[in-house]
């Protein structure tokens, strides 16, 4: 947790090199967290529409981003 807090703190650095590296790290973290939660929701039976609504995107956008390799006839990783 402190590592994440350190990165979040660095994002407001006056040094652009430090701040921009922190922003990149936070962006990667957010992408990973979103992926984990989308798969969690799908495993619990949520629809693409329900997930998209909470993420503030279209059903098509979330489906395109996360549907590959999943579904009843596809292997789960």
N, C-alpha and C. Protein backbone atom coordinates (compact mmCIF):
# COMPACT_ATOMS: atom_id res chain seq x y z
N UNK A 1 0.82 -1.20 0.00
CA UNK A 1 0.00 0.00 0.00
C UNK A 1 0.86 1.25 0.00
N UNK A 2 1.96 1.23 0.74
CA UNK A 2 2.80 2.43 0.78
C UNK A 2 3.42 2.70 -0.58
N UNK A 3 3.72 1.66 -1.35
CA UNK A 3 4.28 1.88 -2.69
C UNK A 3 3.28 2.63 -3.56
N UNK A 4 2.02 2.24 -3.52
CA UNK A 4 0.98 2.93 -4.28
C UNK A 4 0.82 4.36 -3.78
N UNK A 5 0.85 4.55 -2.48
CA UNK A 5 0.74 5.90 -1.92
C UNK A 5 1.94 6.74 -2.33
N UNK A 6 3.12 6.15 -2.38
CA UNK A 6 4.31 6.88 -2.82
C UNK A 6 4.18 7.31 -4.28
N UNK A 7 3.68 6.43 -5.11
CA UNK A 7 3.50 6.75 -6.53
C UNK A 7 2.46 7.86 -6.68
N UNK A 8 1.37 7.76 -5.94
CA UNK A 8 0.33 8.80 -5.99
C UNK A 8 0.89 10.14 -5.54
N UNK A 9 1.71 10.13 -4.53
CA UNK A 9 2.33 11.36 -4.04
C UNK A 9 3.29 11.92 -5.08
N UNK A 10 4.06 11.06 -5.72
CA UNK A 10 5.02 11.49 -6.73
C UNK A 10 4.34 12.12 -7.94
N UNK A 11 3.09 11.75 -8.19
CA UNK A 11 2.35 12.30 -9.33
C UNK A 11 2.17 13.81 -9.22
N UNK A 12 2.26 14.35 -8.02
CA UNK A 12 2.11 15.80 -7.85
C UNK A 12 3.46 16.50 -7.71
N UNK A 13 4.54 15.81 -8.03
CA UNK A 13 5.88 16.37 -7.93
C UNK A 13 6.04 17.58 -8.85
N UNK A 14 6.84 18.52 -8.44
CA UNK A 14 7.15 19.68 -9.28
C UNK A 14 8.13 19.29 -10.40
N UNK A 15 8.80 18.15 -10.24
CA UNK A 15 9.71 17.65 -11.26
C UNK A 15 8.90 16.85 -12.29
N UNK A 16 8.80 17.35 -13.52
CA UNK A 16 7.98 16.65 -14.51
C UNK A 16 8.42 15.20 -14.76
N UNK A 17 9.70 14.92 -14.69
CA UNK A 17 10.16 13.54 -14.91
C UNK A 17 9.60 12.61 -13.84
N UNK A 18 9.62 13.05 -12.61
CA UNK A 18 9.08 12.26 -11.50
C UNK A 18 7.56 12.13 -11.65
N UNK A 19 6.90 13.25 -11.90
CA UNK A 19 5.45 13.27 -12.01
C UNK A 19 4.93 12.42 -13.15
N UNK A 20 5.56 12.52 -14.30
CA UNK A 20 5.10 11.77 -15.46
C UNK A 20 5.35 10.27 -15.32
N UNK A 21 6.46 9.90 -14.70
CA UNK A 21 6.69 8.46 -14.42
C UNK A 21 5.62 7.93 -13.47
N UNK A 22 5.25 8.74 -12.49
CA UNK A 22 4.22 8.33 -11.54
C UNK A 22 2.87 8.19 -12.24
N UNK A 23 2.56 9.12 -13.11
CA UNK A 23 1.30 9.04 -13.86
C UNK A 23 1.26 7.77 -14.69
N UNK A 24 2.36 7.43 -15.33
CA UNK A 24 2.42 6.20 -16.13
C UNK A 24 2.19 4.97 -15.24
N UNK A 25 2.80 4.95 -14.08
CA UNK A 25 2.62 3.83 -13.15
C UNK A 25 1.18 3.73 -12.67
N UNK A 26 0.58 4.86 -12.36
CA UNK A 26 -0.82 4.87 -11.91
C UNK A 26 -1.75 4.41 -13.02
N UNK A 27 -1.48 4.83 -14.24
CA UNK A 27 -2.30 4.40 -15.37
C UNK A 27 -2.25 2.88 -15.52
N UNK A 28 -1.07 2.30 -15.40
CA UNK A 28 -0.93 0.84 -15.49
C UNK A 28 -1.68 0.15 -14.36
N UNK A 29 -1.60 0.72 -13.17
CA UNK A 29 -2.31 0.15 -12.02
C UNK A 29 -3.82 0.18 -12.24
N UNK A 30 -4.33 1.30 -12.71
CA UNK A 30 -5.77 1.43 -12.96
C UNK A 30 -6.23 0.42 -14.02
N UNK A 31 -5.45 0.28 -15.08
CA UNK A 31 -5.80 -0.70 -16.13
C UNK A 31 -5.87 -2.11 -15.55
N UNK A 32 -4.92 -2.46 -14.73
CA UNK A 32 -4.90 -3.81 -14.14
C UNK A 32 -6.08 -4.01 -13.19
N UNK A 33 -6.37 -3.00 -12.37
CA UNK A 33 -7.50 -3.10 -11.44
C UNK A 33 -8.81 -3.22 -12.20
N UNK A 34 -8.96 -2.47 -13.28
CA UNK A 34 -10.18 -2.55 -14.08
C UNK A 34 -10.33 -3.96 -14.66
N UNK A 35 -9.25 -4.49 -15.19
CA UNK A 35 -9.30 -5.84 -15.76
C UNK A 35 -9.71 -6.88 -14.72
N UNK A 36 -9.13 -6.79 -13.55
CA UNK A 36 -9.46 -7.72 -12.47
C UNK A 36 -10.94 -7.62 -12.11
N UNK A 37 -11.45 -6.41 -11.97
CA UNK A 37 -12.84 -6.25 -11.56
C UNK A 37 -13.83 -6.61 -12.66
N UNK A 38 -13.48 -6.37 -13.91
CA UNK A 38 -14.36 -6.78 -15.02
C UNK A 38 -14.46 -8.31 -15.04
N UNK A 39 -13.33 -8.98 -14.92
CA UNK A 39 -13.37 -10.45 -14.90
C UNK A 39 -14.11 -10.96 -13.67
N UNK A 40 -13.93 -10.30 -12.55
CA UNK A 40 -14.66 -10.66 -11.33
C UNK A 40 -16.17 -10.53 -11.55
N UNK A 41 -16.58 -9.43 -12.13
CA UNK A 41 -18.00 -9.21 -12.40
C UNK A 41 -18.56 -10.26 -13.36
N UNK A 42 -17.82 -10.55 -14.43
CA UNK A 42 -18.28 -11.55 -15.39
C UNK A 42 -18.38 -12.93 -14.74
N UNK A 43 -17.41 -13.27 -13.89
CA UNK A 43 -17.46 -14.56 -13.20
C UNK A 43 -18.67 -14.66 -12.28
N UNK A 44 -19.17 -13.52 -11.83
CA UNK A 44 -20.35 -13.51 -10.96
C UNK A 44 -21.65 -13.32 -11.74
N UNK A 45 -21.56 -13.36 -13.07
CA UNK A 45 -22.76 -13.33 -13.89
C UNK A 45 -23.22 -11.96 -14.34
N UNK A 46 -22.44 -10.93 -14.11
CA UNK A 46 -22.83 -9.59 -14.54
C UNK A 46 -22.85 -9.52 -16.07
N UNK A 47 -23.73 -8.69 -16.60
CA UNK A 47 -23.78 -8.47 -18.04
C UNK A 47 -22.77 -7.40 -18.44
N UNK A 48 -22.45 -7.41 -19.73
CA UNK A 48 -21.55 -6.36 -20.24
C UNK A 48 -22.18 -4.98 -20.04
N UNK A 49 -23.48 -4.91 -20.15
CA UNK A 49 -24.20 -3.64 -19.96
C UNK A 49 -24.03 -3.12 -18.53
N UNK A 50 -24.17 -4.00 -17.54
CA UNK A 50 -24.01 -3.59 -16.14
C UNK A 50 -22.60 -3.07 -15.87
N UNK A 51 -21.61 -3.79 -16.39
CA UNK A 51 -20.22 -3.39 -16.20
C UNK A 51 -19.95 -2.05 -16.87
N UNK A 52 -20.40 -1.93 -18.12
CA UNK A 52 -20.17 -0.70 -18.88
C UNK A 52 -20.80 0.51 -18.20
N UNK A 53 -22.00 0.32 -17.68
CA UNK A 53 -22.68 1.43 -17.02
C UNK A 53 -21.86 1.95 -15.84
N UNK A 54 -21.32 1.06 -15.04
CA UNK A 54 -20.53 1.49 -13.88
C UNK A 54 -19.18 2.08 -14.28
N UNK A 55 -18.64 1.64 -15.41
CA UNK A 55 -17.36 2.20 -15.88
C UNK A 55 -17.55 3.49 -16.68
N UNK A 56 -18.79 3.78 -17.05
CA UNK A 56 -19.06 4.99 -17.81
C UNK A 56 -18.65 4.89 -19.27
N UNK A 57 -18.75 3.67 -19.82
CA UNK A 57 -18.43 3.43 -21.22
C UNK A 57 -19.58 2.67 -21.86
N UNK A 58 -19.48 2.44 -23.16
CA UNK A 58 -20.52 1.67 -23.83
C UNK A 58 -20.31 0.17 -23.60
N UNK A 59 -21.38 -0.58 -23.75
CA UNK A 59 -21.31 -2.03 -23.65
C UNK A 59 -20.34 -2.57 -24.69
N UNK A 60 -20.39 -2.01 -25.89
CA UNK A 60 -19.51 -2.46 -26.96
C UNK A 60 -18.04 -2.24 -26.61
N UNK A 61 -17.74 -1.10 -25.99
CA UNK A 61 -16.35 -0.78 -25.64
C UNK A 61 -15.79 -1.77 -24.62
N UNK A 62 -16.55 -2.04 -23.59
CA UNK A 62 -16.05 -2.95 -22.55
C UNK A 62 -15.99 -4.38 -23.07
N UNK A 63 -16.94 -4.75 -23.90
CA UNK A 63 -16.94 -6.09 -24.48
C UNK A 63 -15.73 -6.27 -25.38
N UNK A 64 -15.47 -5.30 -26.24
CA UNK A 64 -14.33 -5.38 -27.16
C UNK A 64 -13.01 -5.49 -26.40
N UNK A 65 -12.91 -4.74 -25.31
CA UNK A 65 -11.66 -4.70 -24.55
C UNK A 65 -11.41 -5.99 -23.78
N UNK A 66 -12.47 -6.62 -23.25
CA UNK A 66 -12.28 -7.74 -22.32
C UNK A 66 -12.86 -9.08 -22.74
N UNK A 67 -13.63 -9.17 -23.78
CA UNK A 67 -14.32 -10.42 -24.11
C UNK A 67 -13.42 -11.48 -24.74
N UNK A 68 -12.33 -11.09 -25.33
CA UNK A 68 -11.47 -12.05 -26.03
C UNK A 68 -11.04 -13.19 -25.10
N UNK A 69 -11.23 -14.41 -25.57
CA UNK A 69 -10.78 -15.56 -24.80
C UNK A 69 -11.68 -15.97 -23.66
N UNK A 70 -12.87 -15.38 -23.55
CA UNK A 70 -13.78 -15.74 -22.46
C UNK A 70 -15.11 -16.18 -23.04
N UNK A 71 -15.89 -16.84 -22.25
CA UNK A 71 -17.19 -17.30 -22.69
C UNK A 71 -17.32 -18.79 -22.50
N UNK A 72 -18.53 -19.32 -22.67
CA UNK A 72 -18.77 -20.74 -22.36
C UNK A 72 -17.97 -21.69 -23.24
N UNK A 73 -17.63 -21.31 -24.46
CA UNK A 73 -16.90 -22.20 -25.34
C UNK A 73 -15.41 -21.87 -25.40
N UNK A 74 -14.98 -20.90 -24.60
CA UNK A 74 -13.58 -20.50 -24.60
C UNK A 74 -12.94 -20.89 -23.28
N UNK A 75 -11.65 -21.16 -23.33
CA UNK A 75 -10.93 -21.49 -22.10
C UNK A 75 -10.73 -20.23 -21.26
N UNK A 76 -10.83 -20.39 -19.96
CA UNK A 76 -10.55 -19.30 -19.04
C UNK A 76 -9.09 -19.40 -18.62
N UNK A 77 -8.46 -18.24 -18.47
CA UNK A 77 -7.05 -18.25 -18.07
C UNK A 77 -6.90 -18.30 -16.58
